[in-house]
C-alpha atoms as a PDB file:
ATOM      1  CA  UNK A   1      -0.663   0.119   0.079  1.00  0.00           C
ATOM      2  CA  UNK A   2       1.399   3.167  -0.844  1.00  0.00           C
ATOM      3  CA  UNK A   3       0.914   6.405   1.225  1.00  0.00           C
ATOM      4  CA  UNK A   4       0.998  10.475  -0.356  1.00  0.00           C
ATOM      5  CA  UNK A   5       3.814  12.422   1.513  1.00  0.00           C
ATOM      6  CA  UNK A   6       2.931  15.559  -0.685  1.00  0.00           C
ATOM      7  CA  UNK A   7       5.933  17.810  -0.967  1.00  0.00           C
ATOM      8  CA  UNK A   8       9.697  16.517   0.288  1.00  0.00           C
ATOM      9  CA  UNK A   9      10.000  19.770   2.673  1.00  0.00           C
ATOM     10  CA  UNK A  10       6.440  19.286   4.078  1.00  0.00           C
ATOM     11  CA  UNK A  11       8.276  15.984   4.953  1.00  0.00           C
ATOM     12  CA  UNK A  12      11.256  17.331   6.630  1.00  0.00           C
ATOM     13  CA  UNK A  13       8.853  19.710   9.094  1.00  0.00           C
ATOM     14  CA  UNK A  14      10.115  17.471  12.230  1.00  0.00           C
ATOM     15  CA  UNK A  15       6.282  17.634  13.817  1.00  0.00           C
ATOM     16  CA  UNK A  16       4.710  15.998   9.942  1.00  0.00           C
ATOM     17  CA  UNK A  17       8.040  13.477  10.874  1.00  0.00           C
ATOM     18  CA  UNK A  18       6.606  12.700  14.324  1.00  0.00           C
ATOM     19  CA  UNK A  19       3.288  12.416  12.582  1.00  0.00           C
ATOM     20  CA  UNK A  20       4.554   9.984   9.826  1.00  0.00           C
ATOM     21  CA  UNK A  21       6.042   7.839  12.532  1.00  0.00           C
ATOM     22  CA  UNK A  22       2.944   6.951  14.544  1.00  0.00           C
ATOM     23  CA  UNK A  23       0.595   7.158  11.688  1.00  0.00           C
ATOM     24  CA  UNK A  24       3.220   3.697  10.546  1.00  0.00           C
ATOM     25  CA  UNK A  25       3.612   2.387  13.750  1.00  0.00           C
ATOM     26  CA  UNK A  26      -0.166   1.781  13.455  1.00  0.00           C
ATOM     27  CA  UNK A  27      -1.185   1.444   9.720  1.00  0.00           C
ATOM     28  CA  UNK A  28       2.708  -0.034   8.305  1.00  0.00           C
ATOM     29  CA  UNK A  29       2.333   1.384   4.826  1.00  0.00           C
ATOM     30  CA  UNK A  30       5.035  -0.338   2.515  1.00  0.00           C
ATOM     31  CA  UNK A  31       5.560   2.597   0.356  1.00  0.00           C
ATOM     32  CA  UNK A  32       5.912   7.018   0.911  1.00  0.00           C
ATOM     33  CA  UNK A  33       5.044   9.242  -2.475  1.00  0.00           C
ATOM     34  CA  UNK A  34       7.336  12.140  -2.304  1.00  0.00           C
ATOM     35  CA  UNK A  35       7.134  15.088  -4.521  1.00  0.00           C
ATOM     36  CA  UNK A  36       9.948  17.107  -5.535  1.00  0.00           C
ATOM     37  CA  UNK A  37      12.537  14.895  -4.182  1.00  0.00           C
ATOM     38  CA  UNK A  38      15.578  16.098  -7.365  1.00  0.00           C
ATOM     39  CA  UNK A  39      15.154  19.820  -6.913  1.00  0.00           C
ATOM     40  CA  UNK A  40      17.152  22.526  -5.865  1.00  0.00           C
ATOM     41  CA  UNK A  41      16.531  23.044  -1.998  1.00  0.00           C
ATOM     42  CA  UNK A  42      17.542  19.153  -1.287  1.00  0.00           C
ATOM     43  CA  UNK A  43      20.888  20.519  -3.328  1.00  0.00           C
ATOM     44  CA  UNK A  44      20.636  18.633  -6.825  1.00  0.00           C
ATOM     45  CA  UNK A  45      20.889  21.198  -9.072  1.00  0.00           C
ATOM     46  CA  UNK A  46      20.324  21.148 -13.510  1.00  0.00           C
ATOM     47  CA  UNK A  47      24.165  20.865 -15.213  1.00  0.00           C
ATOM     48  CA  UNK A  48      25.808  20.153 -11.232  1.00  0.00           C
ATOM     49  CA  UNK A  49      28.734  17.863 -11.918  1.00  0.00           C
ATOM     50  CA  UNK A  50      29.130  17.571  -8.219  1.00  0.00           C
ATOM     51  CA  UNK A  51      25.557  16.454  -6.207  1.00  0.00           C
ATOM     52  CA  UNK A  52      25.644  16.952  -2.426  1.00  0.00           C
ATOM     53  CA  UNK A  53      23.059  13.869  -1.051  1.00  0.00           C
ATOM     54  CA  UNK A  54      23.386  14.535   2.337  1.00  0.00           C
ATOM     55  CA  UNK A  55      19.308  16.152   2.723  1.00  0.00           C
ATOM     56  CA  UNK A  56      18.487  13.176   0.730  1.00  0.00           C
ATOM     57  CA  UNK A  57      20.179  10.834   3.385  1.00  0.00           C
ATOM     58  CA  UNK A  58      18.435  12.425   5.816  1.00  0.00           C
ATOM     59  CA  UNK A  59      15.652  11.791   4.644  1.00  0.00           C
ATOM     60  CA  UNK A  60      15.791   8.586   3.106  1.00  0.00           C
ATOM     61  CA  UNK A  61      17.337   6.886   6.780  1.00  0.00           C
ATOM     62  CA  UNK A  62      13.913   8.241   8.735  1.00  0.00           C
ATOM     63  CA  UNK A  63      11.907   6.553   6.337  1.00  0.00           C
ATOM     64  CA  UNK A  64      14.216   3.549   6.761  1.00  0.00           C
ATOM     65  CA  UNK A  65      13.741   3.858  10.674  1.00  0.00           C
ATOM     66  CA  UNK A  66       9.988   3.802  10.222  1.00  0.00           C
ATOM     67  CA  UNK A  67      10.294   1.005   7.526  1.00  0.00           C
ATOM     68  CA  UNK A  68       8.890   3.168   4.954  1.00  0.00           C
ATOM     69  CA  UNK A  69      10.117   2.465   1.446  1.00  0.00           C
ATOM     70  CA  UNK A  70      10.480   5.502  -0.803  1.00  0.00           C
ATOM     71  CA  UNK A  71       8.488   5.839  -3.870  1.00  0.00           C
ATOM     72  CA  UNK A  72      10.146   9.165  -5.658  1.00  0.00           C
ATOM     73  CA  UNK A  73       7.937  10.852  -7.680  1.00  0.00           C
ATOM     74  CA  UNK A  74       9.701  12.340 -11.337  1.00  0.00           C
ATOM     75  CA  UNK A  75       8.836  16.022 -11.444  1.00  0.00           C
ATOM     76  CA  UNK A  76      11.493  18.608 -11.761  1.00  0.00           C
ATOM     77  CA  UNK A  77      10.400  20.473 -14.658  1.00  0.00           C
ATOM     78  CA  UNK A  78      13.702  22.031 -15.566  1.00  0.00           C
ATOM     79  CA  UNK A  79      15.888  19.095 -16.133  1.00  0.00           C
ATOM     80  CA  UNK A  80      16.390  17.577 -19.663  1.00  0.00           C
ATOM     81  CA  UNK A  81      16.604  13.808 -19.705  1.00  0.00           C
ATOM     82  CA  UNK A  82      20.486  14.111 -19.457  1.00  0.00           C
ATOM     83  CA  UNK A  83      20.098  15.787 -16.099  1.00  0.00           C
ATOM     84  CA  UNK A  84      17.559  12.991 -15.362  1.00  0.00           C
ATOM     85  CA  UNK A  85      20.256  10.761 -15.886  1.00  0.00           C
ATOM     86  CA  UNK A  86      23.087  11.792 -14.620  1.00  0.00           C
ATOM     87  CA  UNK A  87      21.301  12.898 -11.499  1.00  0.00           C
ATOM     88  CA  UNK A  88      19.784   9.401 -10.707  1.00  0.00           C
ATOM     89  CA  UNK A  89      22.648   7.811 -11.513  1.00  0.00           C
ATOM     90  CA  UNK A  90      25.175   9.562  -9.295  1.00  0.00           C
ATOM     91  CA  UNK A  91      22.434   9.020  -6.765  1.00  0.00           C
ATOM     92  CA  UNK A  92      23.161   4.773  -7.209  1.00  0.00           C
ATOM     93  CA  UNK A  93      26.219   5.452  -7.679  1.00  0.00           C
ATOM     94  CA  UNK A  94      26.277   7.595  -4.133  1.00  0.00           C
ATOM     95  CA  UNK A  95      23.917   4.857  -1.946  1.00  0.00           C
ATOM     96  CA  UNK A  96      25.464   2.178  -3.202  1.00  0.00           C
ATOM     97  CA  UNK A  97      28.876   3.061  -1.799  1.00  0.00           C
ATOM     98  CA  UNK A  98      27.408   4.232   1.041  1.00  0.00           C
ATOM     99  CA  UNK A  99      26.029   0.770   1.317  1.00  0.00           C
ATOM    100  CA  UNK A 100      22.494   1.807   1.875  1.00  0.00           C
ATOM    101  CA  UNK A 101      20.241  -1.067   2.638  1.00  0.00           C
ATOM    102  CA  UNK A 102      17.216   0.148   1.202  1.00  0.00           C
ATOM    103  CA  UNK A 103      18.307   0.255  -2.268  1.00  0.00           C
ATOM    104  CA  UNK A 104      17.225  -1.888  -3.720  1.00  0.00           C
ATOM    105  CA  UNK A 105      13.605  -1.308  -1.943  1.00  0.00           C
ATOM    106  CA  UNK A 106      13.521   2.691  -4.132  1.00  0.00           C
ATOM    107  CA  UNK A 107      10.987   2.903  -7.009  1.00  0.00           C
ATOM    108  CA  UNK A 108      10.476   6.228  -9.190  1.00  0.00           C
ATOM    109  CA  UNK A 109       7.353   7.023 -10.747  1.00  0.00           C
ATOM    110  CA  UNK A 110       6.521   9.601 -13.123  1.00  0.00           C
ATOM    111  CA  UNK A 111       4.540  13.310 -13.107  1.00  0.00           C
ATOM    112  CA  UNK A 112       1.954  12.766 -15.571  1.00  0.00           C
ATOM    113  CA  UNK A 113       2.140  16.669 -16.757  1.00  0.00           C
ATOM    114  CA  UNK A 114       5.969  16.072 -17.352  1.00  0.00           C
ATOM    115  CA  UNK A 115       6.075  16.722 -21.672  1.00  0.00           C
ATOM    116  CA  UNK A 116       5.808  13.519 -23.898  1.00  0.00           C
ATOM    117  CA  UNK A 117       9.141  13.222 -24.738  1.00  0.00           C
ATOM    118  CA  UNK A 118      10.909  13.360 -21.077  1.00  0.00           C
ATOM    119  CA  UNK A 119       8.541  10.828 -20.101  1.00  0.00           C
ATOM    120  CA  UNK A 120       9.009   8.713 -23.238  1.00  0.00           C
ATOM    121  CA  UNK A 121      13.053   9.091 -22.785  1.00  0.00           C
ATOM    122  CA  UNK A 122      12.780   8.318 -19.507  1.00  0.00           C
ATOM    123  CA  UNK A 123      10.851   5.051 -19.950  1.00  0.00           C
ATOM    124  CA  UNK A 124      13.857   3.777 -22.145  1.00  0.00           C
ATOM    125  CA  UNK A 125      16.836   4.982 -19.032  1.00  0.00           C
ATOM    126  CA  UNK A 126      14.181   2.690 -16.722  1.00  0.00           C
ATOM    127  CA  UNK A 127      14.057   0.190 -19.011  1.00  0.00           C
ATOM    128  CA  UNK A 128      17.964  -0.663 -18.606  1.00  0.00           C
ATOM    129  CA  UNK A 129      18.174   1.124 -15.082  1.00  0.00           C
ATOM    130  CA  UNK A 130      18.837  -0.662 -12.027  1.00  0.00           C
ATOM    131  CA  UNK A 131      15.893   0.569 -10.389  1.00  0.00           C
ATOM    132  CA  UNK A 132      12.019   0.031 -11.154  1.00  0.00           C
ATOM    133  CA  UNK A 133       9.964   2.515 -12.917  1.00  0.00           C
ATOM    134  CA  UNK A 134       5.807   2.286 -12.047  1.00  0.00           C
ATOM    135  CA  UNK A 135       3.852   2.089 -15.350  1.00  0.00           C
ATOM    136  CA  UNK A 136       1.072   4.269 -14.325  1.00  0.00           C
ATOM    137  CA  UNK A 137       1.859   8.251 -13.588  1.00  0.00           C
ATOM    138  CA  UNK A 138       1.672  10.144 -10.792  1.00  0.00           C
ATOM    139  CA  UNK A 139      -0.955  12.450 -11.219  1.00  0.00           C
ATOM    140  CA  UNK A 140      -1.054  15.686  -9.208  1.00  0.00           C
ATOM    141  CA  UNK A 141      -4.256  16.410  -7.075  1.00  0.00           C
ATOM    142  CA  UNK A 142      -4.130  19.092  -4.624  1.00  0.00           C
ATOM    143  CA  UNK A 143      -7.694  20.574  -4.903  1.00  0.00           C
ATOM    144  CA  UNK A 144      -9.620  21.195  -1.851  1.00  0.00           C
ATOM    145  CA  UNK A 145     -12.827  18.663  -0.970  1.00  0.00           C
ATOM    146  CA  UNK A 146     -14.985  19.199   2.172  1.00  0.00           C
ATOM    147  CA  UNK A 147     -16.065  15.586   2.025  1.00  0.00           C
ATOM    148  CA  UNK A 148     -12.050  14.507   2.719  1.00  0.00           C
ATOM    149  CA  UNK A 149     -12.808  14.822   6.371  1.00  0.00           C
ATOM    150  CA  UNK A 150     -16.196  13.215   6.713  1.00  0.00           C
ATOM    151  CA  UNK A 151     -17.200   9.905   7.733  1.00  0.00           C
ATOM    152  CA  UNK A 152     -17.648   9.055   4.191  1.00  0.00           C
ATOM    153  CA  UNK A 153     -14.736   8.260   3.529  1.00  0.00           C
ATOM    154  CA  UNK A 154     -14.390   5.218   5.437  1.00  0.00           C
ATOM    155  CA  UNK A 155     -16.992   2.930   3.274  1.00  0.00           C
ATOM    156  CA  UNK A 156     -15.124   4.722   0.171  1.00  0.00           C
ATOM    157  CA  UNK A 157     -11.912   4.481   1.095  1.00  0.00           C
ATOM    158  CA  UNK A 158     -12.696   0.733   1.890  1.00  0.00           C
ATOM    159  CA  UNK A 159     -14.391   0.077  -1.360  1.00  0.00           C
ATOM    160  CA  UNK A 160     -12.562   1.786  -3.090  1.00  0.00           C
ATOM    161  CA  UNK A 161      -9.311  -0.814  -2.084  1.00  0.00           C
ATOM    162  CA  UNK A 162     -11.198  -3.953  -1.491  1.00  0.00           C
ATOM    163  CA  UNK A 163     -13.721  -3.694  -4.986  1.00  0.00           C
ATOM    164  CA  UNK A 164     -12.961  -1.227  -7.901  1.00  0.00           C
ATOM    165  CA  UNK A 165      -9.081  -0.361  -7.085  1.00  0.00           C
ATOM    166  CA  UNK A 166      -9.258   2.973  -7.579  1.00  0.00           C
ATOM    167  CA  UNK A 167      -6.184   5.557  -7.505  1.00  0.00           C
ATOM    168  CA  UNK A 168      -6.116   6.693  -4.243  1.00  0.00           C
ATOM    169  CA  UNK A 169      -3.711   8.664  -4.890  1.00  0.00           C
ATOM    170  CA  UNK A 170      -4.791  11.879  -4.106  1.00  0.00           C
ATOM    171  CA  UNK A 171      -5.243  10.945  -0.104  1.00  0.00           C
ATOM    172  CA  UNK A 172      -2.095  12.850   2.093  1.00  0.00           C
ATOM    173  CA  UNK A 173      -0.577  11.565   5.311  1.00  0.00           C
ATOM    174  CA  UNK A 174      -1.023  14.998   6.580  1.00  0.00           C
ATOM    175  CA  UNK A 175      -2.231  18.557   5.786  1.00  0.00           C
ATOM    176  CA  UNK A 176      -0.331  21.134   5.124  1.00  0.00           C
ATOM    177  CA  UNK A 177      -2.341  24.406   6.211  1.00  0.00           C
ATOM    178  CA  UNK A 178       0.232  26.748   5.438  1.00  0.00           C
ATOM    179  CA  UNK A 179      -0.545  26.299   1.450  1.00  0.00           C
ATOM    180  CA  UNK A 180      -4.075  26.622   1.505  1.00  0.00           C
ATOM    181  CA  UNK A 181      -4.845  30.116   0.393  1.00  0.00           C
ATOM    182  CA  UNK A 182      -9.097  29.851   1.265  1.00  0.00           C
ATOM    183  CA  UNK A 183      -9.411  28.617   4.753  1.00  0.00           C
ATOM    184  CA  UNK A 184     -12.680  29.547   6.430  1.00  0.00           C
ATOM    185  CA  UNK A 185     -11.280  27.890  10.658  1.00  0.00           C
ATOM    186  CA  UNK A 186      -7.870  25.615  10.797  1.00  0.00           C
ATOM    187  CA  UNK A 187      -9.137  22.577  12.158  1.00  0.00           C
ATOM    188  CA  UNK A 188     -10.880  20.951   8.719  1.00  0.00           C
ATOM    189  CA  UNK A 189     -10.186  22.629   5.488  1.00  0.00           C
ATOM    190  CA  UNK A 190     -11.101  19.615   2.877  1.00  0.00           C
ATOM    191  CA  UNK A 191      -7.909  18.802   2.325  1.00  0.00           C
ATOM    192  CA  UNK A 192      -7.030  15.574   2.045  1.00  0.00           C
ATOM    193  CA  UNK A 193      -4.820  14.596   4.547  1.00  0.00           C
ATOM    194  CA  UNK A 194      -5.658  11.331   6.403  1.00  0.00           C
ATOM    195  CA  UNK A 195      -5.013  13.472   9.475  1.00  0.00           C
ATOM    196  CA  UNK A 196      -5.560  16.918   9.508  1.00  0.00           C
ATOM    197  CA  UNK A 197      -2.754  19.853  10.165  1.00  0.00           C
ATOM    198  CA  UNK A 198      -3.104  19.116  14.714  1.00  0.00           C
ATOM    199  CA  UNK A 199      -2.395  15.286  14.383  1.00  0.00           C
ATOM    200  CA  UNK A 200      -5.974  14.373  14.362  1.00  0.00           C
ATOM    201  CA  UNK A 201      -7.151  11.080  13.019  1.00  0.00           C
ATOM    202  CA  UNK A 202      -9.520  12.295   9.937  1.00  0.00           C
ATOM    203  CA  UNK A 203     -12.130   8.838   9.314  1.00  0.00           C
ATOM    204  CA  UNK A 204     -10.000   8.474   6.575  1.00  0.00           C
ATOM    205  CA  UNK A 205      -7.006   7.018   9.047  1.00  0.00           C
ATOM    206  CA  UNK A 206      -9.467   4.722  10.449  1.00  0.00           C
ATOM    207  CA  UNK A 207      -9.948   3.489   7.140  1.00  0.00           C
ATOM    208  CA  UNK A 208      -6.829   2.269   6.352  1.00  0.00           C
ATOM    209  CA  UNK A 209      -6.661   1.259  10.323  1.00  0.00           C
ATOM    210  CA  UNK A 210      -9.537  -1.273   9.864  1.00  0.00           C
ATOM    211  CA  UNK A 211      -8.242  -2.563   6.823  1.00  0.00           C
ATOM    212  CA  UNK A 212      -4.628  -3.228   7.861  1.00  0.00           C
ATOM    213  CA  UNK A 213      -6.229  -5.816  10.543  1.00  0.00           C
ATOM    214  CA  UNK A 214      -7.671  -7.513   8.586  1.00  0.00           C
ATOM    215  CA  UNK A 215      -5.096 -11.420   8.412  1.00  0.00           C
ATOM    216  CA  UNK A 216      -4.853 -14.318   6.090  1.00  0.00           C
ATOM    217  CA  UNK A 217      -6.810 -15.226   3.097  1.00  0.00           C
ATOM    218  CA  UNK A 218     -10.439 -13.995   2.085  1.00  0.00           C
ATOM    219  CA  UNK A 219     -13.355 -16.305   2.771  1.00  0.00           C
ATOM    220  CA  UNK A 220     -16.227 -13.970   1.343  1.00  0.00           C
ATOM    221  CA  UNK A 221     -16.703 -10.315   0.275  1.00  0.00           C
ATOM    222  CA  UNK A 222     -19.541  -9.127  -1.547  1.00  0.00           C
ATOM    223  CA  UNK A 223     -20.253  -5.076  -1.649  1.00  0.00           C
ATOM    224  CA  UNK A 224     -20.226  -4.146   2.173  1.00  0.00           C
ATOM    225  CA  UNK A 225     -18.348  -6.913   3.545  1.00  0.00           C
ATOM    226  CA  UNK A 226     -15.069  -8.226   3.987  1.00  0.00           C
ATOM    227  CA  UNK A 227     -14.357 -11.576   5.770  1.00  0.00           C
ATOM    228  CA  UNK A 228     -10.922 -13.082   5.900  1.00  0.00           C
ATOM    229  CA  UNK A 229      -9.394 -16.371   8.077  1.00  0.00           C
ATOM    230  CA  UNK A 230      -5.793 -16.855   9.803  1.00  0.00           C
ATOM    231  CA  UNK A 231      -5.892 -20.100  11.348  1.00  0.00           C
ATOM    232  CA  UNK A 232      -8.661 -19.667  13.734  1.00  0.00           C
ATOM    233  CA  UNK A 233      -9.166 -16.649  13.607  1.00  0.00           C
ATOM    234  CA  UNK A 234     -11.572 -14.524  11.620  1.00  0.00           C
ATOM    235  CA  UNK A 235     -11.977 -11.024  10.842  1.00  0.00           C
ATOM    236  CA  UNK A 236     -15.822  -9.282   9.269  1.00  0.00           C
ATOM    237  CA  UNK A 237     -15.396  -5.810   8.193  1.00  0.00           C
ATOM    238  CA  UNK A 238     -18.864  -4.318   7.600  1.00  0.00           C
ATOM    239  CA  UNK A 239     -19.403  -1.068   6.128  1.00  0.00           C
ATOM    240  CA  UNK A 240     -21.974   1.430   5.138  1.00  0.00           C
ATOM    241  CA  UNK A 241     -22.180   0.246   0.826  1.00  0.00           C
ATOM    242  CA  UNK A 242     -24.285   2.704  -1.546  1.00  0.00           C
ATOM    243  CA  UNK A 243     -24.338   1.934  -5.158  1.00  0.00           C
ATOM    244  CA  UNK A 244     -24.371   5.430  -5.828  1.00  0.00           C
ATOM    245  CA  UNK A 245     -21.100   5.447  -4.213  1.00  0.00           C
ATOM    246  CA  UNK A 246     -18.502   7.331  -7.325  1.00  0.00           C
ATOM    247  CA  UNK A 247     -22.061  10.027  -7.610  1.00  0.00           C
ATOM    248  CA  UNK A 248     -22.370  10.603  -3.940  1.00  0.00           C
ATOM    249  CA  UNK A 249     -17.857  11.629  -3.422  1.00  0.00           C
ATOM    250  CA  UNK A 250     -18.541  14.208  -5.984  1.00  0.00           C
ATOM    251  CA  UNK A 251     -21.302  15.600  -4.042  1.00  0.00           C
ATOM    252  CA  UNK A 252     -21.458  15.373  -0.060  1.00  0.00           C
ATOM    253  CA  UNK A 253     -24.645  17.524  -0.111  1.00  0.00           C
ATOM    254  CA  UNK A 254     -26.350  14.173  -1.127  1.00  0.00           C
ATOM    255  CA  UNK A 255     -24.789  12.722   2.138  1.00  0.00           C
ATOM    256  CA  UNK A 256     -27.752  10.884   4.489  1.00  0.00           C
ATOM    257  CA  UNK A 257     -28.001   9.021   7.444  1.00  0.00           C
ATOM    258  CA  UNK A 258     -28.495   5.386   7.341  1.00  0.00           C
ATOM    259  CA  UNK A 259     -28.823   2.124   9.668  1.00  0.00           C
ATOM    260  CA  UNK A 260     -28.873  -1.363   8.834  1.00  0.00           C
ATOM    261  CA  UNK A 261     -29.429  -3.792  11.469  1.00  0.00           C
ATOM    262  CA  UNK A 262     -27.430  -6.944  10.279  1.00  0.00           C
ATOM    263  CA  UNK A 263     -26.959 -10.764  11.698  1.00  0.00           C
ATOM    264  CA  UNK A 264     -24.175 -12.843  11.312  1.00  0.00           C
ATOM    265  CA  UNK A 265     -24.324 -16.739  11.850  1.00  0.00           C
ATOM    266  CA  UNK A 266     -20.607 -18.831  11.608  1.00  0.00           C
ATOM    267  CA  UNK A 267     -20.762 -22.092  11.757  1.00  0.00           C
ATOM    268  CA  UNK A 268     -18.045 -24.814  12.943  1.00  0.00           C
ATOM    269  CA  UNK A 269     -16.388 -22.244  15.495  1.00  0.00           C
ATOM    270  CA  UNK A 270     -13.934 -25.110  17.030  1.00  0.00           C
ATOM    271  CA  UNK A 271     -13.810 -23.032  20.294  1.00  0.00           C
ATOM    272  CA  UNK A 272     -15.221 -20.417  23.124  1.00  0.00           C
ATOM    273  CA  UNK A 273     -14.334 -17.430  21.329  1.00  0.00           C
ATOM    274  CA  UNK A 274     -13.335 -13.881  22.406  1.00  0.00           C
ATOM    275  CA  UNK A 275     -15.149 -11.030  19.848  1.00  0.00           C
ATOM    276  CA  UNK A 276     -14.041  -7.894  20.011  1.00  0.00           C
ATOM    277  CA  UNK A 277     -15.978  -4.986  17.926  1.00  0.00           C
ATOM    278  CA  UNK A 278     -14.876  -1.593  16.500  1.00  0.00           C
ATOM    279  CA  UNK A 279     -16.979   0.557  15.442  1.00  0.00           C
ATOM    280  CA  UNK A 280     -16.372   4.112  13.910  1.00  0.00           C
ATOM    281  CA  UNK A 281     -19.091   6.103  11.809  1.00  0.00           C
ATOM    282  CA  UNK A 282     -20.152   9.908  11.572  1.00  0.00           C
ATOM    283  CA  UNK A 283     -21.784   9.355  15.518  1.00  0.00           C
ATOM    284  CA  UNK A 284     -18.774   6.997  17.024  1.00  0.00           C
ATOM    285  CA  UNK A 285     -15.510   8.324  16.542  1.00  0.00           C
ATOM    286  CA  UNK A 286     -15.305  10.904  13.680  1.00  0.00           C
ATOM    287  CA  UNK A 287     -13.448  13.912  14.619  1.00  0.00           C
ATOM    288  CA  UNK A 288     -14.917  15.902  11.688  1.00  0.00           C
ATOM    289  CA  UNK A 289     -18.713  14.922  13.270  1.00  0.00           C
ATOM    290  CA  UNK A 290     -17.569  15.745  16.968  1.00  0.00           C
ATOM    291  CA  UNK A 291     -15.847  19.104  15.948  1.00  0.00           C
ATOM    292  CA  UNK A 292     -19.889  19.908  13.865  1.00  0.00           C
ATOM    293  CA  UNK A 293     -21.101  19.302  16.958  1.00  0.00           C
ATOM    294  CA  UNK A 294     -18.968  21.707  18.510  1.00  0.00           C
ATOM    295  CA  UNK A 295     -19.830  24.451  16.516  1.00  0.00           C
ATOM    296  CA  UNK A 296     -17.710  24.331  14.423  1.00  0.00           C
ATOM    297  CA  UNK A 297     -14.924  26.270  15.840  1.00  0.00           C
ATOM    298  CA  UNK A 298     -12.353  28.966  13.376  1.00  0.00           C
ATOM    299  CA  UNK A 299      -9.900  27.655  16.248  1.00  0.00           C
ATOM    300  CA  UNK A 300      -9.010  25.014  18.853  1.00  0.00           C
ATOM    301  CA  UNK A 301      -7.882  25.849  22.148  1.00  0.00           C
ATOM    302  CA  UNK A 302      -5.376  23.325  24.341  1.00  0.00           C
ATOM    303  CA  UNK A 303      -7.715  21.875  25.475  1.00  0.00           C
ATOM    304  CA  UNK A 304     -10.123  21.099  22.957  1.00  0.00           C
ATOM    305  CA  UNK A 305      -7.986  20.125  20.758  1.00  0.00           C
ATOM    306  CA  UNK A 306      -7.386  16.967  23.248  1.00  0.00           C
ATOM    307  CA  UNK A 307     -10.746  16.625  23.731  1.00  0.00           C
ATOM    308  CA  UNK A 308     -10.999  16.155  19.753  1.00  0.00           C
ATOM    309  CA  UNK A 309      -7.946  13.745  19.263  1.00  0.00           C
ATOM    310  CA  UNK A 310      -9.153  11.723  22.235  1.00  0.00           C
ATOM    311  CA  UNK A 311     -12.653  11.765  20.478  1.00  0.00           C
ATOM    312  CA  UNK A 312     -10.913  10.258  17.516  1.00  0.00           C
ATOM    313  CA  UNK A 313     -10.906   6.724  18.000  1.00  0.00           C
ATOM    314  CA  UNK A 314     -13.775   3.885  17.434  1.00  0.00           C
ATOM    315  CA  UNK A 315     -15.433   2.382  20.223  1.00  0.00           C
ATOM    316  CA  UNK A 316     -14.045  -0.816  20.712  1.00  0.00           C
ATOM    317  CA  UNK A 317     -16.131  -3.753  22.927  1.00  0.00           C
ATOM    318  CA  UNK A 318     -15.606  -6.769  24.102  1.00  0.00           C
ATOM    319  CA  UNK A 319     -17.642 -10.155  24.492  1.00  0.00           C
ATOM    320  CA  UNK A 320     -17.487 -13.819  24.856  1.00  0.00           C
ATOM    321  CA  UNK A 321     -18.806 -16.688  23.041  1.00  0.00           C
ATOM    322  CA  UNK A 322     -19.024 -20.596  24.131  1.00  0.00           C
ATOM    323  CA  UNK A 323     -18.185 -23.271  21.278  1.00  0.00           C
ATOM    324  CA  UNK A 324     -21.050 -23.518  19.749  1.00  0.00           C
ATOM    325  CA  UNK A 325     -22.328 -25.430  16.100  1.00  0.00           C
ATOM    326  CA  UNK A 326     -23.786 -21.907  15.518  1.00  0.00           C
ATOM    327  CA  UNK A 327     -22.166 -18.391  16.382  1.00  0.00           C
ATOM    328  CA  UNK A 328     -24.769 -15.296  15.669  1.00  0.00           C
ATOM    329  CA  UNK A 329     -23.560 -12.383  15.797  1.00  0.00           C
ATOM    330  CA  UNK A 330     -25.878  -9.187  15.972  1.00  0.00           C
ATOM    331  CA  UNK A 331     -24.607  -5.609  14.969  1.00  0.00           C
ATOM    332  CA  UNK A 332     -25.694  -1.974  13.623  1.00  0.00           C
ATOM    333  CA  UNK A 333     -24.037  -0.323  10.627  1.00  0.00           C
ATOM    334  CA  UNK A 334     -25.084   3.345  11.251  1.00  0.00           C
ATOM    335  CA  UNK A 335     -24.709   6.245   8.980  1.00  0.00           C
ATOM    336  CA  UNK A 336     -21.538   6.438   6.865  1.00  0.00           C
ATOM    337  CA  UNK A 337     -19.248   3.942   8.966  1.00  0.00           C
ATOM    338  CA  UNK A 338     -17.733   0.958   9.219  1.00  0.00           C
ATOM    339  CA  UNK A 339     -17.626  -1.985  11.965  1.00  0.00           C
ATOM    340  CA  UNK A 340     -14.641  -4.901  12.344  1.00  0.00           C
ATOM    341  CA  UNK A 341     -15.285  -7.692  13.647  1.00  0.00           C
ATOM    342  CA  UNK A 342     -11.792  -9.577  14.763  1.00  0.00           C
ATOM    343  CA  UNK A 343     -13.035 -13.942  16.011  1.00  0.00           C
ATOM    344  CA  UNK A 344     -10.053 -15.248  18.298  1.00  0.00           C
ATOM    345  CA  UNK A 345     -10.237 -18.635  19.691  1.00  0.00           C
ATOM    346  CA  UNK A 346      -9.622 -17.881  23.799  1.00  0.00           C
ATOM    347  CA  UNK A 347      -6.860 -20.398  25.392  1.00  0.00           C
ATOM    348  CA  UNK A 348      -7.780 -23.170  27.100  1.00  0.00           C
END
């Protein structure tokens, strides 16, 4: 799974590094997409014979420390093809010499807005390069949309990840409020980060959080649910599904709260079980909806920030079930959201 980190200079800000480290500890993305990597502010200049890689080394060492592999976007519009080839060859030479452990994990991606000529030449180069180039191009997308902050992102991300495999590269690790011009508050601005500028988790964060808890083989899946099994442990992820999921994404004014009662039957569960429920929706665990209930304050004081941070977490319940030919589980999906049910055998 890939998470977009945005501008490499945003990643170098200490607060953002702390946010990313915390995010990676809970969700474990495999790759982090970085923009503006081969640029002047990183000590990389057009037509320069010698390149100082110290700044880049600092970034890559941090990413390695949190087990996040680099996906580097090629997006310097001042470069000619010769500049790119020289820079990439120097990059490989330097990090090979210092025996950078993760060099083989580095991947590249073309920015879709590069010229066709540059893209064609780079694809030819990477065909015989020591590095991998992703086939799909990265499409820059920085439009603000109020729906990015809402609980609707839970089912949208889950469904997109499991079924439609839509490009979710517009989502970012964190919001960077300093770069936005048209604001009416500094809490939820409609940016596409899964964590806001104050380190408050949005509902979109918990879509990935719940997905990361699925393990083993897929037993069953359909619109609105997926079931996996790992040895004797079952994971059941339920989410609010709507046939107009894409239309609703484009028009948040059409979002309407819904509720569904769900009854699940598991057969031949071999032992007593411990059942854990994770529930998050518009009424439970959604930092955005909690902020709305506070009257949408433009700014938060320290106490309000702490309250909102603590409110942004799924409701967790534990239940015990005795061994039975049929294990019946009843739950509800309230509004836009998701429920994860983990069923584990108890120790004898």
